[in-house]
């Protein structure tokens, strides 16, 4: 293979790699921080976000943040950015300064109605 052909192959492969990164980035779900009503982690593995519109999102954190169960946290956002995205953004636990990285967001399953409550009526 000539040097020119090798260079063209390298350029093509680099372009495909960048395109793959861009599409992976575009696929990440993001949420607006101003729309979060409350957040809580009871296990240090997941973070539950209750949103102002009534929906609930569960984020499966990358790694473990055990101190998150006991202390608050502060987002690490880019200047002026009001959103955080799965697999990209992180936050610090306030007292221990543990770094917690967002994983995948899932919608929480709606809670089932309490059948005993309806039967009592």
Protein backbone atom coordinates (compact mmCIF):
# COMPACT_ATOMS: atom_id res chain seq x y z
CA UNK A 1 0.00 0.00 0.00
CA UNK A 2 1.36 3.41 -0.88
CA UNK A 3 1.79 6.18 1.65
CA UNK A 4 -1.10 8.12 0.11
CA UNK A 5 -3.47 5.14 0.36
CA UNK A 6 -2.43 4.54 3.99
CA UNK A 7 -3.04 8.21 4.76
CA UNK A 8 -6.49 8.12 3.15
CA UNK A 9 -7.42 4.99 5.10
CA UNK A 10 -6.24 6.62 8.33
CA UNK A 11 -8.26 9.78 7.62
CA UNK A 12 -11.37 7.70 6.85
CA UNK A 13 -11.01 5.65 10.04
CA UNK A 14 -10.49 8.79 12.12
CA UNK A 15 -13.62 10.34 10.60
CA UNK A 16 -15.66 7.24 11.39
CA UNK A 17 -14.40 7.24 14.98
CA UNK A 18 -15.37 10.91 15.43
CA UNK A 19 -18.78 10.25 13.90
CA UNK A 20 -19.32 7.37 16.33
CA UNK A 21 -18.38 9.58 19.28
CA UNK A 22 -20.70 12.34 18.09
CA UNK A 23 -23.65 9.97 17.70
CA UNK A 24 -22.99 8.43 21.15
CA UNK A 25 -22.88 11.92 22.62
CA UNK A 26 -26.13 12.89 20.90
CA UNK A 27 -27.88 9.79 22.26
CA UNK A 28 -27.25 10.67 25.91
CA UNK A 29 -30.36 11.80 27.78
CA UNK A 30 -30.05 15.16 29.50
CA UNK A 31 -32.20 16.83 32.14
CA UNK A 32 -32.61 20.49 33.02
CA UNK A 33 -31.40 21.14 36.57
CA UNK A 34 -34.11 23.79 37.01
CA UNK A 35 -36.78 21.10 36.49
CA UNK A 36 -35.61 18.87 39.37
CA UNK A 37 -38.01 18.99 42.31
CA UNK A 38 -36.03 16.65 44.57
CA UNK A 39 -33.24 14.07 44.45
CA UNK A 40 -32.30 11.23 46.76
CA UNK A 41 -30.05 8.19 46.91
CA UNK A 42 -30.76 5.52 49.47
CA UNK A 43 -28.06 3.09 48.34
CA UNK A 44 -25.20 5.07 46.77
CA UNK A 45 -25.72 3.21 43.48
CA UNK A 46 -28.78 4.99 42.12
CA UNK A 47 -30.09 8.55 42.32
CA UNK A 48 -33.83 9.18 42.09
CA UNK A 49 -34.89 12.50 40.60
CA UNK A 50 -38.46 13.70 41.04
CA UNK A 51 -39.16 16.26 38.38
CA UNK A 52 -41.46 19.29 38.58
CA UNK A 53 -43.69 17.82 35.86
CA UNK A 54 -44.45 14.81 38.11
CA UNK A 55 -42.17 12.30 36.39
CA UNK A 56 -39.53 10.33 38.25
CA UNK A 57 -36.16 9.44 36.74
CA UNK A 58 -33.67 6.95 38.13
CA UNK A 59 -29.99 7.33 37.32
CA UNK A 60 -27.75 4.28 37.65
CA UNK A 61 -24.51 5.89 38.81
CA UNK A 62 -21.21 4.71 37.41
CA UNK A 63 -19.45 3.22 40.40
CA UNK A 64 -20.47 3.62 44.01
CA UNK A 65 -20.91 6.78 46.09
CA UNK A 66 -21.68 5.47 49.58
CA UNK A 67 -21.49 8.91 51.26
CA UNK A 68 -24.29 10.16 49.00
CA UNK A 69 -26.77 8.48 51.37
CA UNK A 70 -25.72 10.80 54.21
CA UNK A 71 -24.64 14.10 52.70
CA UNK A 72 -25.78 16.53 50.05
CA UNK A 73 -24.02 17.12 46.77
CA UNK A 74 -23.02 19.86 44.34
CA UNK A 75 -23.15 19.53 40.55
CA UNK A 76 -20.03 20.00 38.46
CA UNK A 77 -21.44 21.86 35.47
CA UNK A 78 -19.93 23.92 32.72
CA UNK A 79 -20.31 27.66 33.20
CA UNK A 80 -23.85 28.71 32.34
CA UNK A 81 -25.06 25.20 31.57
CA UNK A 82 -28.33 24.29 33.29
CA UNK A 83 -28.47 20.67 32.20
CA UNK A 84 -26.71 17.45 33.06
CA UNK A 85 -26.39 14.43 30.79
CA UNK A 86 -26.09 10.72 31.42
CA UNK A 87 -22.62 9.23 31.01
CA UNK A 88 -21.10 12.74 30.89
CA UNK A 89 -21.68 14.80 34.00
CA UNK A 90 -20.78 14.37 37.65
CA UNK A 91 -21.30 15.83 41.10
CA UNK A 92 -19.39 15.96 44.39
CA UNK A 93 -20.66 14.71 47.74
CA UNK A 94 -20.28 17.76 50.00
CA UNK A 95 -18.44 16.48 53.06
CA UNK A 96 -16.34 13.69 51.58
CA UNK A 97 -15.86 15.26 48.11
CA UNK A 98 -16.51 11.86 46.50
CA UNK A 99 -17.02 12.28 42.77
CA UNK A 100 -20.16 10.57 41.48
CA UNK A 101 -20.63 10.15 37.73
CA UNK A 102 -24.05 9.90 36.15
CA UNK A 103 -24.82 6.68 34.33
CA UNK A 104 -27.96 5.85 32.37
CA UNK A 105 -31.31 7.49 33.12
CA UNK A 106 -34.43 5.33 33.27
CA UNK A 107 -38.00 6.37 33.85
CA UNK A 108 -39.27 4.99 37.14
CA UNK A 109 -42.12 2.52 36.87
CA UNK A 110 -45.40 4.06 38.02
CA UNK A 111 -46.39 2.86 41.44
CA UNK A 112 -49.24 0.38 41.54
CA UNK A 113 -52.44 1.53 43.22
CA UNK A 114 -53.00 0.27 46.72
CA UNK A 115 -55.69 -2.39 46.22
CA UNK A 116 -56.42 -2.70 49.94
CA UNK A 117 -57.29 0.99 50.05
CA UNK A 118 -59.81 0.59 47.21
CA UNK A 119 -61.33 -2.56 48.73
CA UNK A 120 -61.98 -0.78 52.03
CA UNK A 121 -64.29 1.75 50.33
